N, C-alpha and C. Protein backbone atom coordinates (compact mmCIF):
# COMPACT_ATOMS: atom_id res chain seq x y z
N MET A 1 17.58 38.82 -0.65
CA MET A 1 18.40 37.99 -1.51
C MET A 1 19.59 37.41 -0.75
N ALA A 2 20.15 38.20 0.18
CA ALA A 2 21.29 37.73 0.97
C ALA A 2 20.93 36.51 1.81
N ALA A 3 19.71 36.48 2.34
CA ALA A 3 19.30 35.34 3.15
C ALA A 3 19.21 34.07 2.31
N PHE A 4 18.67 34.17 1.11
CA PHE A 4 18.62 33.02 0.22
C PHE A 4 20.03 32.58 -0.17
N ALA A 5 20.88 33.56 -0.49
CA ALA A 5 22.25 33.25 -0.88
C ALA A 5 23.00 32.54 0.25
N HIS A 6 22.75 32.97 1.49
CA HIS A 6 23.41 32.33 2.62
C HIS A 6 22.99 30.87 2.74
N SER A 7 21.70 30.60 2.60
CA SER A 7 21.23 29.21 2.68
C SER A 7 21.85 28.36 1.58
N VAL A 8 21.91 28.91 0.38
CA VAL A 8 22.51 28.16 -0.74
C VAL A 8 23.99 27.92 -0.48
N SER A 9 24.67 28.90 0.11
CA SER A 9 26.11 28.74 0.39
C SER A 9 26.36 27.63 1.40
N LEU A 10 25.39 27.37 2.27
CA LEU A 10 25.51 26.29 3.24
C LEU A 10 25.27 24.93 2.62
N GLY A 11 24.68 24.92 1.42
CA GLY A 11 24.40 23.65 0.75
C GLY A 11 22.94 23.33 0.61
N TYR A 12 22.07 24.22 1.10
CA TYR A 12 20.63 23.99 0.95
C TYR A 12 20.22 24.20 -0.50
N ARG A 13 19.32 23.35 -0.96
CA ARG A 13 18.77 23.50 -2.31
C ARG A 13 17.24 23.55 -2.29
N TYR A 14 16.65 23.45 -1.11
CA TYR A 14 15.20 23.59 -0.95
C TYR A 14 14.95 24.80 -0.07
N LEU A 15 14.35 25.82 -0.64
CA LEU A 15 14.18 27.10 0.03
C LEU A 15 12.69 27.42 0.13
N GLU A 16 12.33 28.19 1.16
CA GLU A 16 10.91 28.50 1.38
C GLU A 16 10.71 30.00 1.36
N THR A 17 9.60 30.43 0.76
CA THR A 17 9.24 31.85 0.80
C THR A 17 7.74 32.03 0.65
N ASP A 18 7.24 33.09 1.24
CA ASP A 18 5.87 33.53 0.96
C ASP A 18 5.95 34.56 -0.16
N VAL A 19 4.82 34.77 -0.82
CA VAL A 19 4.82 35.75 -1.91
C VAL A 19 3.56 36.61 -1.87
N HIS A 20 3.73 37.84 -2.34
CA HIS A 20 2.64 38.79 -2.54
C HIS A 20 2.76 39.37 -3.94
N ALA A 21 1.67 39.91 -4.44
CA ALA A 21 1.67 40.59 -5.73
C ALA A 21 1.64 42.10 -5.51
N THR A 22 2.45 42.81 -6.27
CA THR A 22 2.40 44.26 -6.26
C THR A 22 1.17 44.74 -7.04
N ARG A 23 0.94 46.03 -7.01
CA ARG A 23 -0.22 46.59 -7.69
C ARG A 23 -0.18 46.32 -9.19
N ASP A 24 1.03 46.26 -9.74
CA ASP A 24 1.16 46.00 -11.18
C ASP A 24 1.48 44.53 -11.49
N GLY A 25 1.18 43.65 -10.52
CA GLY A 25 1.20 42.23 -10.80
C GLY A 25 2.56 41.56 -10.80
N ARG A 26 3.52 42.10 -10.08
CA ARG A 26 4.82 41.43 -9.94
C ARG A 26 4.82 40.65 -8.64
N ILE A 27 5.40 39.46 -8.67
CA ILE A 27 5.41 38.58 -7.50
C ILE A 27 6.70 38.76 -6.73
N VAL A 28 6.58 39.20 -5.48
CA VAL A 28 7.75 39.44 -4.64
C VAL A 28 7.79 38.44 -3.50
N ALA A 29 9.00 38.13 -3.07
CA ALA A 29 9.21 37.20 -1.97
C ALA A 29 9.11 37.97 -0.67
N ALA A 30 7.97 37.87 0.00
CA ALA A 30 7.74 38.61 1.23
C ALA A 30 6.67 37.91 2.05
N HIS A 31 6.83 37.92 3.34
CA HIS A 31 5.84 37.31 4.23
C HIS A 31 4.71 38.27 4.55
N ASP A 32 5.07 39.48 4.99
CA ASP A 32 4.06 40.44 5.45
C ASP A 32 3.36 41.10 4.28
N PRO A 33 2.09 41.46 4.45
CA PRO A 33 1.41 42.21 3.40
C PRO A 33 1.84 43.66 3.32
N ASP A 34 2.49 44.15 4.39
CA ASP A 34 2.93 45.55 4.42
C ASP A 34 4.43 45.61 4.71
N LEU A 35 4.97 46.81 4.74
CA LEU A 35 6.41 47.01 4.86
C LEU A 35 6.84 47.53 6.23
N MET A 36 5.91 47.64 7.16
CA MET A 36 6.21 48.29 8.43
C MET A 36 7.23 47.49 9.25
N ARG A 37 7.02 46.19 9.41
CA ARG A 37 7.90 45.40 10.28
C ARG A 37 9.31 45.30 9.71
N VAL A 38 9.42 45.09 8.42
CA VAL A 38 10.74 44.84 7.83
C VAL A 38 11.49 46.11 7.47
N ALA A 39 10.76 47.21 7.27
CA ALA A 39 11.44 48.41 6.81
C ALA A 39 10.99 49.69 7.51
N GLY A 40 9.97 49.59 8.39
CA GLY A 40 9.48 50.79 9.06
C GLY A 40 8.80 51.76 8.12
N VAL A 41 8.28 51.23 7.02
CA VAL A 41 7.65 52.07 5.99
C VAL A 41 6.17 51.73 5.91
N ALA A 42 5.32 52.73 5.94
CA ALA A 42 3.89 52.49 5.79
C ALA A 42 3.57 52.14 4.34
N GLY A 43 2.63 51.22 4.17
CA GLY A 43 2.22 50.88 2.81
C GLY A 43 2.10 49.38 2.61
N ASN A 44 1.02 48.98 1.96
CA ASN A 44 0.81 47.59 1.62
C ASN A 44 1.44 47.28 0.27
N ILE A 45 2.06 46.12 0.16
CA ILE A 45 2.68 45.72 -1.10
C ILE A 45 1.66 45.74 -2.23
N ALA A 46 0.43 45.30 -1.94
CA ALA A 46 -0.60 45.24 -2.98
C ALA A 46 -0.99 46.61 -3.52
N ASP A 47 -0.67 47.66 -2.76
CA ASP A 47 -1.03 49.02 -3.19
C ASP A 47 0.12 49.74 -3.88
N LEU A 48 1.29 49.09 -3.93
CA LEU A 48 2.48 49.72 -4.48
C LEU A 48 2.88 49.05 -5.78
N THR A 49 3.51 49.80 -6.66
CA THR A 49 4.06 49.20 -7.86
C THR A 49 5.39 48.53 -7.53
N TRP A 50 5.85 47.69 -8.45
CA TRP A 50 7.16 47.06 -8.24
C TRP A 50 8.25 48.12 -8.17
N ALA A 51 8.15 49.16 -8.97
CA ALA A 51 9.15 50.22 -8.93
C ALA A 51 9.21 50.86 -7.55
N GLU A 52 8.06 51.00 -6.90
CA GLU A 52 8.03 51.58 -5.55
C GLU A 52 8.57 50.60 -4.51
N VAL A 53 8.21 49.33 -4.62
CA VAL A 53 8.66 48.33 -3.65
C VAL A 53 10.17 48.18 -3.70
N GLN A 54 10.75 48.19 -4.89
CA GLN A 54 12.19 47.94 -4.98
C GLN A 54 13.03 49.10 -4.50
N GLN A 55 12.40 50.22 -4.19
CA GLN A 55 13.13 51.34 -3.60
C GLN A 55 13.27 51.20 -2.08
N VAL A 56 12.56 50.26 -1.48
CA VAL A 56 12.52 50.14 -0.03
C VAL A 56 13.70 49.32 0.47
N ASP A 57 14.46 49.90 1.38
CA ASP A 57 15.62 49.24 2.00
C ASP A 57 15.12 48.45 3.21
N VAL A 58 15.33 47.14 3.19
CA VAL A 58 14.90 46.31 4.33
C VAL A 58 16.08 45.95 5.24
N GLY A 59 17.18 46.69 5.10
CA GLY A 59 18.34 46.51 5.96
C GLY A 59 19.60 46.23 5.18
N ASP A 60 20.66 46.98 5.51
CA ASP A 60 21.97 46.79 4.87
C ASP A 60 21.90 46.92 3.36
N GLY A 61 21.00 47.75 2.89
CA GLY A 61 20.89 47.96 1.45
C GLY A 61 20.15 46.88 0.71
N GLU A 62 19.62 45.91 1.43
CA GLU A 62 18.89 44.80 0.79
C GLU A 62 17.51 45.26 0.35
N ARG A 63 17.03 44.70 -0.75
CA ARG A 63 15.70 44.99 -1.28
C ARG A 63 14.87 43.71 -1.30
N ILE A 64 13.58 43.85 -1.29
CA ILE A 64 12.70 42.70 -1.43
C ILE A 64 12.86 42.16 -2.85
N PRO A 65 13.16 40.87 -3.01
CA PRO A 65 13.41 40.35 -4.35
C PRO A 65 12.14 39.85 -5.04
N LEU A 66 12.21 39.81 -6.35
CA LEU A 66 11.18 39.14 -7.14
C LEU A 66 11.40 37.64 -7.08
N LEU A 67 10.31 36.88 -7.08
CA LEU A 67 10.43 35.43 -7.18
C LEU A 67 11.15 35.06 -8.48
N ALA A 68 10.89 35.78 -9.55
CA ALA A 68 11.55 35.51 -10.83
C ALA A 68 13.06 35.61 -10.68
N ASP A 69 13.54 36.58 -9.91
CA ASP A 69 14.98 36.74 -9.72
C ASP A 69 15.56 35.60 -8.89
N LEU A 70 14.80 35.11 -7.93
CA LEU A 70 15.26 33.96 -7.15
C LEU A 70 15.41 32.73 -8.04
N LEU A 71 14.45 32.53 -8.93
CA LEU A 71 14.50 31.37 -9.81
C LEU A 71 15.70 31.42 -10.74
N THR A 72 16.05 32.60 -11.21
CA THR A 72 17.18 32.70 -12.13
C THR A 72 18.52 32.78 -11.40
N THR A 73 18.56 33.39 -10.23
CA THR A 73 19.80 33.52 -9.48
C THR A 73 20.25 32.19 -8.91
N PHE A 74 19.29 31.36 -8.53
CA PHE A 74 19.60 30.05 -7.93
C PHE A 74 18.98 28.94 -8.76
N PRO A 75 19.54 28.67 -9.93
CA PRO A 75 18.89 27.75 -10.88
C PRO A 75 18.83 26.30 -10.40
N GLU A 76 19.65 25.94 -9.42
CA GLU A 76 19.63 24.57 -8.90
C GLU A 76 18.67 24.41 -7.73
N ALA A 77 18.11 25.52 -7.26
CA ALA A 77 17.26 25.48 -6.07
C ALA A 77 15.81 25.20 -6.44
N ARG A 78 15.11 24.62 -5.49
CA ARG A 78 13.66 24.45 -5.58
C ARG A 78 13.04 25.28 -4.45
N PHE A 79 11.82 25.74 -4.70
CA PHE A 79 11.21 26.69 -3.79
C PHE A 79 9.84 26.20 -3.32
N ASN A 80 9.66 26.26 -2.01
CA ASN A 80 8.34 26.04 -1.45
C ASN A 80 7.68 27.41 -1.29
N VAL A 81 6.49 27.58 -1.84
CA VAL A 81 5.87 28.91 -1.94
C VAL A 81 4.49 28.91 -1.32
N ASP A 82 4.23 29.92 -0.52
CA ASP A 82 2.90 30.17 0.05
C ASP A 82 2.39 31.49 -0.52
N ALA A 83 1.37 31.42 -1.37
CA ALA A 83 0.75 32.62 -1.91
C ALA A 83 -0.13 33.23 -0.82
N LYS A 84 0.23 34.40 -0.35
CA LYS A 84 -0.41 34.99 0.83
C LYS A 84 -1.67 35.79 0.52
N ALA A 85 -2.01 35.94 -0.75
CA ALA A 85 -3.20 36.72 -1.09
C ALA A 85 -3.79 36.19 -2.40
N ASP A 86 -5.10 36.33 -2.53
CA ASP A 86 -5.76 35.87 -3.75
C ASP A 86 -5.18 36.53 -4.99
N ALA A 87 -4.81 37.80 -4.86
CA ALA A 87 -4.30 38.55 -6.01
C ALA A 87 -2.98 37.99 -6.52
N ALA A 88 -2.34 37.12 -5.74
CA ALA A 88 -1.05 36.56 -6.16
C ALA A 88 -1.21 35.34 -7.06
N VAL A 89 -2.40 34.76 -7.13
CA VAL A 89 -2.56 33.49 -7.82
C VAL A 89 -2.23 33.60 -9.31
N GLU A 90 -2.83 34.53 -10.00
CA GLU A 90 -2.61 34.63 -11.44
C GLU A 90 -1.17 35.02 -11.79
N PRO A 91 -0.62 36.08 -11.17
CA PRO A 91 0.77 36.42 -11.52
C PRO A 91 1.77 35.37 -11.08
N LEU A 92 1.50 34.65 -9.99
CA LEU A 92 2.38 33.55 -9.59
C LEU A 92 2.35 32.44 -10.64
N THR A 93 1.17 32.13 -11.13
CA THR A 93 1.05 31.15 -12.21
C THR A 93 1.89 31.56 -13.40
N LYS A 94 1.83 32.82 -13.76
CA LYS A 94 2.58 33.32 -14.92
C LYS A 94 4.08 33.19 -14.70
N VAL A 95 4.57 33.55 -13.52
CA VAL A 95 6.00 33.45 -13.23
C VAL A 95 6.46 32.00 -13.37
N ILE A 96 5.70 31.08 -12.80
CA ILE A 96 6.08 29.67 -12.86
C ILE A 96 6.10 29.17 -14.30
N LYS A 97 5.10 29.55 -15.07
CA LYS A 97 5.06 29.13 -16.47
C LYS A 97 6.18 29.78 -17.28
N ASP A 98 6.40 31.07 -17.08
CA ASP A 98 7.42 31.78 -17.84
C ASP A 98 8.81 31.22 -17.60
N HIS A 99 9.04 30.68 -16.40
CA HIS A 99 10.35 30.13 -16.07
C HIS A 99 10.39 28.61 -16.16
N ASP A 100 9.31 28.03 -16.71
CA ASP A 100 9.25 26.57 -16.87
C ASP A 100 9.66 25.89 -15.56
N ALA A 101 9.05 26.35 -14.46
CA ALA A 101 9.51 25.99 -13.12
C ALA A 101 8.52 25.13 -12.34
N VAL A 102 7.57 24.50 -13.02
CA VAL A 102 6.59 23.69 -12.29
C VAL A 102 7.28 22.62 -11.46
N ASP A 103 8.35 22.03 -12.00
CA ASP A 103 9.03 20.97 -11.27
C ASP A 103 10.00 21.50 -10.22
N ARG A 104 10.06 22.83 -10.07
CA ARG A 104 10.93 23.43 -9.05
C ARG A 104 10.12 24.10 -7.94
N ILE A 105 8.81 24.04 -8.02
CA ILE A 105 7.96 24.76 -7.08
C ILE A 105 7.07 23.78 -6.32
N GLY A 106 6.98 23.99 -5.00
CA GLY A 106 5.97 23.33 -4.19
C GLY A 106 5.08 24.40 -3.60
N VAL A 107 3.80 24.11 -3.48
CA VAL A 107 2.84 25.11 -2.99
C VAL A 107 2.12 24.57 -1.75
N GLY A 108 2.11 25.36 -0.71
CA GLY A 108 1.36 25.03 0.50
C GLY A 108 0.80 26.31 1.09
N GLY A 109 0.25 26.21 2.31
CA GLY A 109 -0.24 27.41 2.97
C GLY A 109 -1.55 27.19 3.69
N PHE A 110 -2.09 28.29 4.21
CA PHE A 110 -3.29 28.24 5.04
C PHE A 110 -4.58 28.32 4.24
N ASP A 111 -4.50 28.62 2.97
CA ASP A 111 -5.71 28.86 2.19
C ASP A 111 -5.93 27.75 1.18
N ASP A 112 -6.92 26.88 1.46
CA ASP A 112 -7.20 25.75 0.57
C ASP A 112 -7.53 26.19 -0.84
N ALA A 113 -8.30 27.27 -0.96
CA ALA A 113 -8.78 27.69 -2.27
C ALA A 113 -7.63 28.12 -3.17
N ARG A 114 -6.63 28.79 -2.61
CA ARG A 114 -5.49 29.21 -3.43
C ARG A 114 -4.69 28.01 -3.90
N ILE A 115 -4.52 27.03 -3.05
CA ILE A 115 -3.80 25.82 -3.45
C ILE A 115 -4.53 25.13 -4.59
N VAL A 116 -5.84 25.01 -4.47
CA VAL A 116 -6.64 24.40 -5.54
C VAL A 116 -6.53 25.21 -6.82
N ALA A 117 -6.61 26.54 -6.71
CA ALA A 117 -6.56 27.40 -7.89
C ALA A 117 -5.23 27.27 -8.62
N LEU A 118 -4.14 27.19 -7.88
CA LEU A 118 -2.83 27.06 -8.52
C LEU A 118 -2.68 25.69 -9.18
N ARG A 119 -3.22 24.67 -8.54
CA ARG A 119 -3.14 23.34 -9.14
C ARG A 119 -3.98 23.27 -10.41
N GLU A 120 -5.14 23.90 -10.41
CA GLU A 120 -5.97 23.93 -11.61
C GLU A 120 -5.25 24.60 -12.77
N ARG A 121 -4.47 25.63 -12.47
CA ARG A 121 -3.79 26.38 -13.52
C ARG A 121 -2.50 25.71 -13.98
N LEU A 122 -1.84 25.00 -13.08
CA LEU A 122 -0.52 24.47 -13.39
C LEU A 122 -0.49 22.95 -13.56
N GLY A 123 -1.57 22.28 -13.21
CA GLY A 123 -1.67 20.86 -13.48
C GLY A 123 -1.09 19.97 -12.39
N PRO A 124 -1.24 18.66 -12.55
CA PRO A 124 -0.85 17.71 -11.50
C PRO A 124 0.65 17.61 -11.29
N ALA A 125 1.47 18.17 -12.19
CA ALA A 125 2.91 18.14 -11.98
C ALA A 125 3.34 19.07 -10.84
N LEU A 126 2.48 20.02 -10.49
CA LEU A 126 2.79 20.92 -9.39
C LEU A 126 2.65 20.18 -8.07
N CYS A 127 3.72 20.17 -7.28
CA CYS A 127 3.67 19.53 -5.97
C CYS A 127 2.96 20.45 -4.98
N THR A 128 1.96 19.93 -4.30
CA THR A 128 1.19 20.73 -3.34
C THR A 128 1.02 19.99 -2.03
N SER A 129 0.72 20.76 -1.01
CA SER A 129 0.31 20.23 0.29
C SER A 129 -1.16 20.52 0.49
N PRO A 130 -1.91 19.62 1.09
CA PRO A 130 -3.30 19.96 1.41
C PRO A 130 -3.37 21.14 2.35
N GLY A 131 -4.41 21.95 2.17
CA GLY A 131 -4.64 23.06 3.07
C GLY A 131 -5.25 22.58 4.38
N PRO A 132 -5.41 23.47 5.35
CA PRO A 132 -5.87 23.07 6.68
C PRO A 132 -7.27 22.47 6.69
N MET A 133 -8.18 22.96 5.85
CA MET A 133 -9.53 22.42 5.85
C MET A 133 -9.55 20.98 5.34
N GLU A 134 -8.77 20.73 4.30
CA GLU A 134 -8.70 19.37 3.77
C GLU A 134 -8.06 18.43 4.79
N LEU A 135 -7.02 18.91 5.46
CA LEU A 135 -6.37 18.08 6.48
C LEU A 135 -7.31 17.81 7.64
N LEU A 136 -8.00 18.84 8.13
CA LEU A 136 -8.89 18.65 9.28
C LEU A 136 -10.07 17.74 8.92
N ALA A 137 -10.55 17.82 7.67
CA ALA A 137 -11.62 16.93 7.24
C ALA A 137 -11.15 15.48 7.29
N TRP A 138 -9.91 15.24 6.85
CA TRP A 138 -9.35 13.88 6.89
C TRP A 138 -9.18 13.41 8.33
N LEU A 139 -8.66 14.30 9.19
CA LEU A 139 -8.46 13.93 10.58
C LEU A 139 -9.78 13.63 11.27
N GLY A 140 -10.86 14.32 10.84
CA GLY A 140 -12.17 14.13 11.47
C GLY A 140 -12.95 12.95 10.94
N SER A 141 -12.44 12.30 9.90
CA SER A 141 -13.14 11.15 9.33
C SER A 141 -12.96 9.93 10.23
N ASP A 142 -14.00 9.17 10.37
CA ASP A 142 -13.94 7.96 11.19
C ASP A 142 -14.74 6.85 10.48
N PRO A 143 -14.06 5.87 9.88
CA PRO A 143 -12.60 5.76 9.82
C PRO A 143 -12.02 6.72 8.79
N ARG A 144 -10.74 6.99 8.92
CA ARG A 144 -10.09 7.85 7.94
C ARG A 144 -9.99 7.10 6.61
N PRO A 145 -10.31 7.77 5.51
CA PRO A 145 -10.26 7.10 4.21
C PRO A 145 -8.84 6.67 3.87
N GLU A 146 -8.72 5.45 3.33
CA GLU A 146 -7.39 4.96 2.96
C GLU A 146 -6.85 5.68 1.74
N GLN A 147 -7.76 6.16 0.88
CA GLN A 147 -7.34 6.93 -0.29
C GLN A 147 -7.65 8.40 -0.01
N ALA A 148 -6.62 9.16 0.24
CA ALA A 148 -6.79 10.58 0.53
C ALA A 148 -5.60 11.34 -0.01
N PHE A 149 -5.79 12.62 -0.24
CA PHE A 149 -4.70 13.50 -0.66
C PHE A 149 -4.04 13.02 -1.95
N GLY A 150 -4.82 12.39 -2.81
CA GLY A 150 -4.24 11.80 -4.02
C GLY A 150 -3.59 12.81 -4.94
N ASP A 151 -4.00 14.08 -4.87
CA ASP A 151 -3.44 15.10 -5.76
C ASP A 151 -2.25 15.82 -5.15
N HIS A 152 -1.85 15.42 -3.96
CA HIS A 152 -0.78 16.13 -3.26
C HIS A 152 0.47 15.26 -3.15
N GLY A 153 1.61 15.94 -2.97
CA GLY A 153 2.86 15.22 -2.85
C GLY A 153 3.48 15.28 -1.47
N CYS A 154 2.98 16.18 -0.63
CA CYS A 154 3.55 16.33 0.70
C CYS A 154 2.49 16.88 1.65
N LEU A 155 2.80 16.79 2.92
CA LEU A 155 1.93 17.33 3.96
C LEU A 155 2.78 18.29 4.78
N GLN A 156 2.48 19.58 4.68
CA GLN A 156 3.25 20.61 5.36
C GLN A 156 2.40 21.22 6.47
N ILE A 157 2.87 21.06 7.69
CA ILE A 157 2.07 21.39 8.87
C ILE A 157 2.98 21.88 9.99
N PRO A 158 2.41 22.60 10.96
CA PRO A 158 3.12 22.83 12.22
C PRO A 158 2.94 21.60 13.11
N PRO A 159 3.75 21.44 14.14
CA PRO A 159 3.58 20.28 15.02
C PRO A 159 2.22 20.26 15.70
N GLN A 160 1.63 21.44 15.92
CA GLN A 160 0.33 21.54 16.57
C GLN A 160 -0.45 22.69 15.96
N PHE A 161 -1.74 22.52 15.77
CA PHE A 161 -2.63 23.64 15.51
C PHE A 161 -4.04 23.21 15.87
N GLY A 162 -4.73 24.08 16.61
CA GLY A 162 -6.05 23.70 17.12
C GLY A 162 -5.92 22.46 18.00
N GLN A 163 -6.76 21.47 17.71
CA GLN A 163 -6.71 20.22 18.46
C GLN A 163 -5.78 19.21 17.80
N PHE A 164 -5.15 19.60 16.70
CA PHE A 164 -4.25 18.69 16.01
C PHE A 164 -2.87 18.68 16.65
N GLU A 165 -2.29 17.50 16.76
CA GLU A 165 -0.91 17.35 17.19
C GLU A 165 -0.30 16.20 16.42
N LEU A 166 0.87 16.43 15.84
CA LEU A 166 1.53 15.37 15.09
C LEU A 166 1.98 14.28 16.04
N THR A 167 1.59 13.05 15.75
CA THR A 167 2.01 11.88 16.51
C THR A 167 2.68 10.90 15.57
N SER A 168 3.33 9.91 16.14
CA SER A 168 3.97 8.89 15.30
C SER A 168 2.94 8.15 14.48
N GLU A 169 1.71 7.96 15.03
CA GLU A 169 0.66 7.26 14.30
C GLU A 169 0.20 8.07 13.08
N LEU A 170 0.04 9.38 13.26
CA LEU A 170 -0.36 10.23 12.13
C LEU A 170 0.76 10.34 11.10
N LEU A 171 1.99 10.38 11.56
CA LEU A 171 3.11 10.41 10.64
C LEU A 171 3.14 9.13 9.81
N GLU A 172 2.93 8.02 10.45
CA GLU A 172 2.91 6.74 9.73
C GLU A 172 1.76 6.70 8.74
N ALA A 173 0.59 7.22 9.14
CA ALA A 173 -0.56 7.22 8.24
C ALA A 173 -0.29 8.08 7.01
N ALA A 174 0.35 9.23 7.21
CA ALA A 174 0.69 10.08 6.08
C ALA A 174 1.68 9.40 5.16
N HIS A 175 2.67 8.73 5.72
CA HIS A 175 3.64 8.00 4.91
C HIS A 175 2.96 6.88 4.12
N GLU A 176 1.99 6.22 4.73
CA GLU A 176 1.27 5.16 4.03
C GLU A 176 0.47 5.71 2.85
N LEU A 177 0.09 6.99 2.93
CA LEU A 177 -0.61 7.65 1.83
C LEU A 177 0.36 8.19 0.78
N GLY A 178 1.65 7.98 0.99
CA GLY A 178 2.65 8.41 0.02
C GLY A 178 3.06 9.86 0.16
N LEU A 179 2.79 10.46 1.31
CA LEU A 179 3.10 11.87 1.52
C LEU A 179 4.38 12.05 2.33
N GLN A 180 5.28 12.90 1.86
CA GLN A 180 6.34 13.38 2.73
C GLN A 180 5.71 14.34 3.74
N VAL A 181 6.26 14.37 4.93
CA VAL A 181 5.74 15.24 5.99
C VAL A 181 6.80 16.28 6.34
N HIS A 182 6.43 17.55 6.12
CA HIS A 182 7.33 18.68 6.37
C HIS A 182 6.76 19.52 7.50
N LEU A 183 7.59 19.87 8.47
CA LEU A 183 7.12 20.61 9.65
C LEU A 183 7.67 22.05 9.63
N TRP A 184 6.81 23.00 9.99
CA TRP A 184 7.21 24.40 10.04
C TRP A 184 6.60 25.07 11.28
N THR A 185 7.07 26.21 11.65
CA THR A 185 8.42 26.71 11.44
C THR A 185 9.18 26.38 12.70
N ILE A 186 10.21 25.55 12.60
CA ILE A 186 10.87 24.96 13.76
C ILE A 186 12.23 25.63 13.95
N ASN A 187 12.34 26.44 15.02
CA ASN A 187 13.57 27.17 15.29
C ASN A 187 14.26 26.73 16.57
N ASP A 188 13.59 25.90 17.37
CA ASP A 188 14.16 25.43 18.63
C ASP A 188 14.93 24.13 18.41
N PRO A 189 16.19 24.05 18.84
CA PRO A 189 16.99 22.85 18.56
C PRO A 189 16.42 21.57 19.17
N ALA A 190 15.87 21.67 20.38
CA ALA A 190 15.30 20.48 21.01
C ALA A 190 14.10 19.97 20.21
N GLU A 191 13.29 20.89 19.69
CA GLU A 191 12.15 20.50 18.88
C GLU A 191 12.60 19.92 17.54
N MET A 192 13.67 20.48 16.97
CA MET A 192 14.22 19.90 15.76
C MET A 192 14.61 18.44 15.98
N VAL A 193 15.32 18.19 17.08
CA VAL A 193 15.78 16.83 17.39
C VAL A 193 14.59 15.91 17.59
N ARG A 194 13.58 16.38 18.33
CA ARG A 194 12.40 15.55 18.59
C ARG A 194 11.72 15.15 17.28
N LEU A 195 11.55 16.09 16.38
CA LEU A 195 10.85 15.81 15.13
C LEU A 195 11.68 14.93 14.21
N LEU A 196 12.99 15.15 14.18
CA LEU A 196 13.86 14.28 13.38
C LEU A 196 13.82 12.85 13.92
N ASP A 197 13.84 12.71 15.25
CA ASP A 197 13.74 11.38 15.86
C ASP A 197 12.39 10.73 15.55
N LEU A 198 11.34 11.55 15.45
CA LEU A 198 10.01 11.03 15.14
C LEU A 198 9.95 10.49 13.72
N GLY A 199 10.78 11.06 12.83
CA GLY A 199 10.83 10.56 11.47
C GLY A 199 10.26 11.47 10.41
N VAL A 200 10.14 12.79 10.71
CA VAL A 200 9.62 13.70 9.69
C VAL A 200 10.62 13.78 8.53
N ASP A 201 10.12 14.14 7.36
CA ASP A 201 10.95 14.15 6.16
C ASP A 201 11.68 15.47 5.95
N ALA A 202 11.16 16.54 6.50
CA ALA A 202 11.82 17.84 6.31
C ALA A 202 11.39 18.79 7.41
N ILE A 203 12.27 19.73 7.69
CA ILE A 203 11.99 20.80 8.65
C ILE A 203 12.18 22.13 7.95
N ILE A 204 11.20 23.01 8.09
CA ILE A 204 11.30 24.38 7.59
C ILE A 204 11.69 25.26 8.77
N THR A 205 12.76 26.03 8.61
CA THR A 205 13.29 26.80 9.73
C THR A 205 13.85 28.13 9.27
N ASP A 206 13.89 29.08 10.19
CA ASP A 206 14.63 30.32 9.97
C ASP A 206 16.10 30.15 10.35
N GLU A 207 16.37 29.14 11.21
CA GLU A 207 17.71 28.94 11.77
C GLU A 207 18.46 27.91 10.92
N VAL A 208 18.85 28.33 9.73
CA VAL A 208 19.44 27.38 8.78
C VAL A 208 20.80 26.88 9.24
N ASP A 209 21.60 27.73 9.88
CA ASP A 209 22.90 27.28 10.38
C ASP A 209 22.73 26.23 11.46
N LEU A 210 21.78 26.46 12.36
CA LEU A 210 21.52 25.53 13.45
C LEU A 210 21.04 24.18 12.93
N LEU A 211 20.11 24.18 12.01
CA LEU A 211 19.60 22.92 11.48
C LEU A 211 20.72 22.15 10.77
N ARG A 212 21.52 22.85 10.01
CA ARG A 212 22.62 22.18 9.32
C ARG A 212 23.58 21.54 10.33
N GLN A 213 23.91 22.27 11.40
CA GLN A 213 24.80 21.75 12.43
C GLN A 213 24.24 20.48 13.05
N LEU A 214 22.95 20.50 13.36
CA LEU A 214 22.32 19.32 13.97
C LEU A 214 22.37 18.13 13.00
N LEU A 215 22.10 18.38 11.74
CA LEU A 215 22.10 17.29 10.76
C LEU A 215 23.51 16.74 10.57
N VAL A 216 24.51 17.61 10.59
CA VAL A 216 25.90 17.14 10.49
C VAL A 216 26.24 16.27 11.69
N GLU A 217 25.84 16.70 12.88
CA GLU A 217 26.11 15.93 14.09
C GLU A 217 25.43 14.57 14.06
N ARG A 218 24.27 14.49 13.39
CA ARG A 218 23.54 13.23 13.30
C ARG A 218 24.00 12.39 12.09
N ASP A 219 25.02 12.88 11.38
CA ASP A 219 25.48 12.24 10.16
C ASP A 219 24.35 12.12 9.16
N SER A 220 23.50 13.16 9.12
CA SER A 220 22.34 13.16 8.23
C SER A 220 22.37 14.31 7.24
N TRP A 221 23.47 15.06 7.21
CA TRP A 221 23.52 16.20 6.31
C TRP A 221 23.98 15.76 4.93
N HIS A 222 23.16 16.07 3.96
CA HIS A 222 23.53 15.85 2.57
C HIS A 222 23.15 17.13 1.85
N ALA A 223 24.14 17.82 1.30
CA ALA A 223 23.87 19.10 0.66
C ALA A 223 22.75 18.94 -0.35
N GLY A 224 21.78 19.84 -0.26
CA GLY A 224 20.59 19.75 -1.09
C GLY A 224 19.35 19.74 -0.24
């Protein structure tokens, strides 16, 4: 929670998190499926109840938060969410519906099927990014279809994966399709500058202070 609060204190209003479901179907903001790296504790989140997960100290007394608590604690924020497991789809849908948060959530990630499943449950108002298979199919088309990604609002990708590399031509093609292009996870300042110069619409980073500083120096920082 402290990390999210720090980003909000800097003026960020678009936050990113991965999510997992506990054994009793609570959605927690966590990247790893287990607790070993963040807390030195054996155990998979999917095998533990929420009561058990919230007892785990991940440093300085901090606990893994519920996505529901993030939505209520930061009511002005919007969240980009990657559901890291199939078991998270249904409870994530419930959290979003219960908090009337479809317009505050964007969904992306490595699993095409989960993205499709969430869109089926939450409707076209949910902003999504195409998954890697859909993106690679488009990149492999010759010629590339002029009408593509019609159900998506953004394209969230790393600068490179496999044989793919973001170029100015691909960025322009995505913009022509009406997609914002968001790059992750960019922690190197030189790479941040390169991508901003290229014209990407957003950068996802762990180094929120650094990105803010660069944007201020470029006269491009606008809180939010």
